[in-house]
Structure formats: structure tokens, C-alpha cells
């Protein structure tokens, strides 16, 4: 387990000992601060890869749910034609153009 001073480092600390920061990042995410505020995170490659894999899983699950919902709506007759969608989009764009200075 990393100590707090090993998990929160300044940019200067990172510059002084980048190897140690990278080693620590393999064990737990590191917060890099600038002017006393969080500026970046260092994460190990395994952690990053796991986060990306999980994000992809969540996106696939969300897509699957939305496709199922869309199919159910279609069966119920709840859908718009392409021409209707285009007309609504163009109306929104015109409304935005008129409200912007």
C-alpha cells in the first residue's frame, strides 16, 4: 500500500524522480498536482487497460439496451421517418441560428 505522500506528488517531484513515480503508478493511481491542485493522474498500464476494457463493456451494454428499446418502439409503431427527423433537425438548427448573436 502506498503512503499518501507517494500517491500525491507535485510536478517538481515527478521531474526529480520520474522512475519512482512510474513504479508507484503501477501499484496505485498517482495524483500529480500543480499549484496545489490536481493536474493529472498517473496510472499503471494494467489499470488503464482494465478501465478501457470496462468502458467498452459499458458502452456495449448501453448500445444493446438502446437497440432493444428501439426495436420495441418500432414494433409499437413509435418511430419517425427519415424525412421527419431531418425536418426536426433543420427546425432546431434554424432556431439556434436565430437565437445566437
Protein backbone atom coordinates (compact mmCIF):
# COMPACT_ATOMS: atom_id res chain seq x y z
CA UNK A 1 0.00 0.00 0.00
CA UNK A 2 1.32 3.40 -0.96
CA UNK A 3 1.52 6.16 1.61
CA UNK A 4 -0.33 9.39 0.91
CA UNK A 5 2.90 11.23 0.12
CA UNK A 6 3.61 8.57 -2.52
CA UNK A 7 0.14 8.87 -4.07
CA UNK A 8 0.04 12.66 -4.29
CA UNK A 9 3.08 14.30 -5.84
CA UNK A 10 3.92 17.65 -7.34
CA UNK A 11 5.12 18.22 -10.87
CA UNK A 12 8.52 19.00 -9.35
CA UNK A 13 8.51 15.61 -7.57
CA UNK A 14 7.67 13.94 -10.87
CA UNK A 15 10.56 15.73 -12.54
CA UNK A 16 13.01 14.83 -9.76
CA UNK A 17 12.20 11.12 -9.67
CA UNK A 18 10.09 10.00 -12.63
CA UNK A 19 11.17 6.37 -12.26
CA UNK A 20 9.81 6.19 -8.70
CA UNK A 21 6.56 7.86 -9.76
CA UNK A 22 6.13 5.36 -12.58
CA UNK A 23 6.86 2.46 -10.22
CA UNK A 24 4.31 3.77 -7.73
CA UNK A 25 1.75 4.26 -10.51
CA UNK A 26 1.94 0.54 -11.26
CA UNK A 27 0.73 -0.10 -7.71
CA UNK A 28 -1.93 2.64 -7.41
CA UNK A 29 -3.00 5.77 -9.31
CA UNK A 30 -0.87 8.82 -8.56
CA UNK A 31 -2.23 12.37 -8.39
CA UNK A 32 0.14 14.96 -9.83
CA UNK A 33 -0.50 18.46 -8.53
CA UNK A 34 0.33 21.88 -9.90
CA UNK A 35 -0.03 24.93 -7.68
CA UNK A 36 -1.58 22.70 -5.02
CA UNK A 37 -4.37 21.47 -7.29
CA UNK A 38 -4.75 18.12 -9.05
CA UNK A 39 -3.43 18.46 -12.59
CA UNK A 40 -3.10 14.88 -13.83
CA UNK A 41 -3.20 11.24 -12.85
CA UNK A 42 -0.55 8.64 -13.48
CA UNK A 43 -1.97 5.15 -13.76
CA UNK A 44 -0.25 1.89 -14.48
CA UNK A 45 -0.78 0.22 -17.81
CA UNK A 46 -2.73 -2.67 -16.26
CA UNK A 47 -5.10 -0.24 -14.54
CA UNK A 48 -5.52 1.82 -17.70
CA UNK A 49 -6.19 -1.26 -19.83
CA UNK A 50 -8.75 -2.53 -17.29
CA UNK A 51 -10.51 0.85 -17.27
CA UNK A 52 -10.68 0.95 -21.07
CA UNK A 53 -11.99 -2.63 -21.23
CA UNK A 54 -14.68 -1.80 -18.66
CA UNK A 55 -15.65 1.35 -20.56
CA UNK A 56 -16.04 -0.66 -23.76
CA UNK A 57 -18.19 -3.22 -21.89
CA UNK A 58 -20.44 -0.46 -20.54
CA UNK A 59 -20.80 1.14 -23.96
CA UNK A 60 -21.75 -2.21 -25.50
CA UNK A 61 -24.30 -2.85 -22.74
CA UNK A 62 -25.79 0.61 -23.23
CA UNK A 63 -25.92 0.14 -27.02
CA UNK A 64 -27.64 -3.24 -26.59
CA UNK A 65 -30.26 -1.77 -24.25
CA UNK A 66 -30.91 1.12 -26.64
CA UNK A 67 -31.21 -1.18 -29.65
CA UNK A 68 -33.71 -3.36 -27.77
CA UNK A 69 -35.68 -0.29 -26.73
CA UNK A 70 -35.66 0.98 -30.32
CA UNK A 71 -36.85 -2.37 -31.65
CA UNK A 72 -39.69 -2.40 -29.11
CA UNK A 73 -40.68 1.14 -30.07
CA UNK A 74 -40.60 0.22 -33.75
CA UNK A 75 -42.89 -2.76 -33.18
CA UNK A 76 -45.31 -0.47 -31.30
CA UNK A 77 -45.24 1.99 -34.20
CA UNK A 78 -43.29 4.60 -32.23
CA UNK A 79 -40.85 5.80 -34.85
CA UNK A 80 -40.14 8.69 -37.18
CA UNK A 81 -39.36 8.61 -40.86
CA UNK A 82 -36.04 9.95 -42.07
CA UNK A 83 -37.80 12.95 -43.60
CA UNK A 84 -39.45 13.76 -40.25
CA UNK A 85 -36.12 13.56 -38.43
CA UNK A 86 -34.43 15.80 -40.99
CA UNK A 87 -37.25 18.35 -40.75
CA UNK A 88 -37.00 18.43 -36.93
CA UNK A 89 -33.21 18.77 -37.07
CA UNK A 90 -33.40 21.61 -39.58
CA UNK A 91 -36.01 23.40 -37.47
CA UNK A 92 -33.75 23.13 -34.40
CA UNK A 93 -30.76 24.44 -36.36
CA UNK A 94 -32.81 27.39 -37.60
CA UNK A 95 -33.98 28.11 -34.04
CA UNK A 96 -30.37 28.05 -32.85
CA UNK A 97 -29.25 30.34 -35.65
CA UNK A 98 -31.95 32.86 -34.72
CA UNK A 99 -31.08 32.85 -31.01
CA UNK A 100 -27.32 33.26 -31.49
CA UNK A 101 -25.99 36.82 -31.89
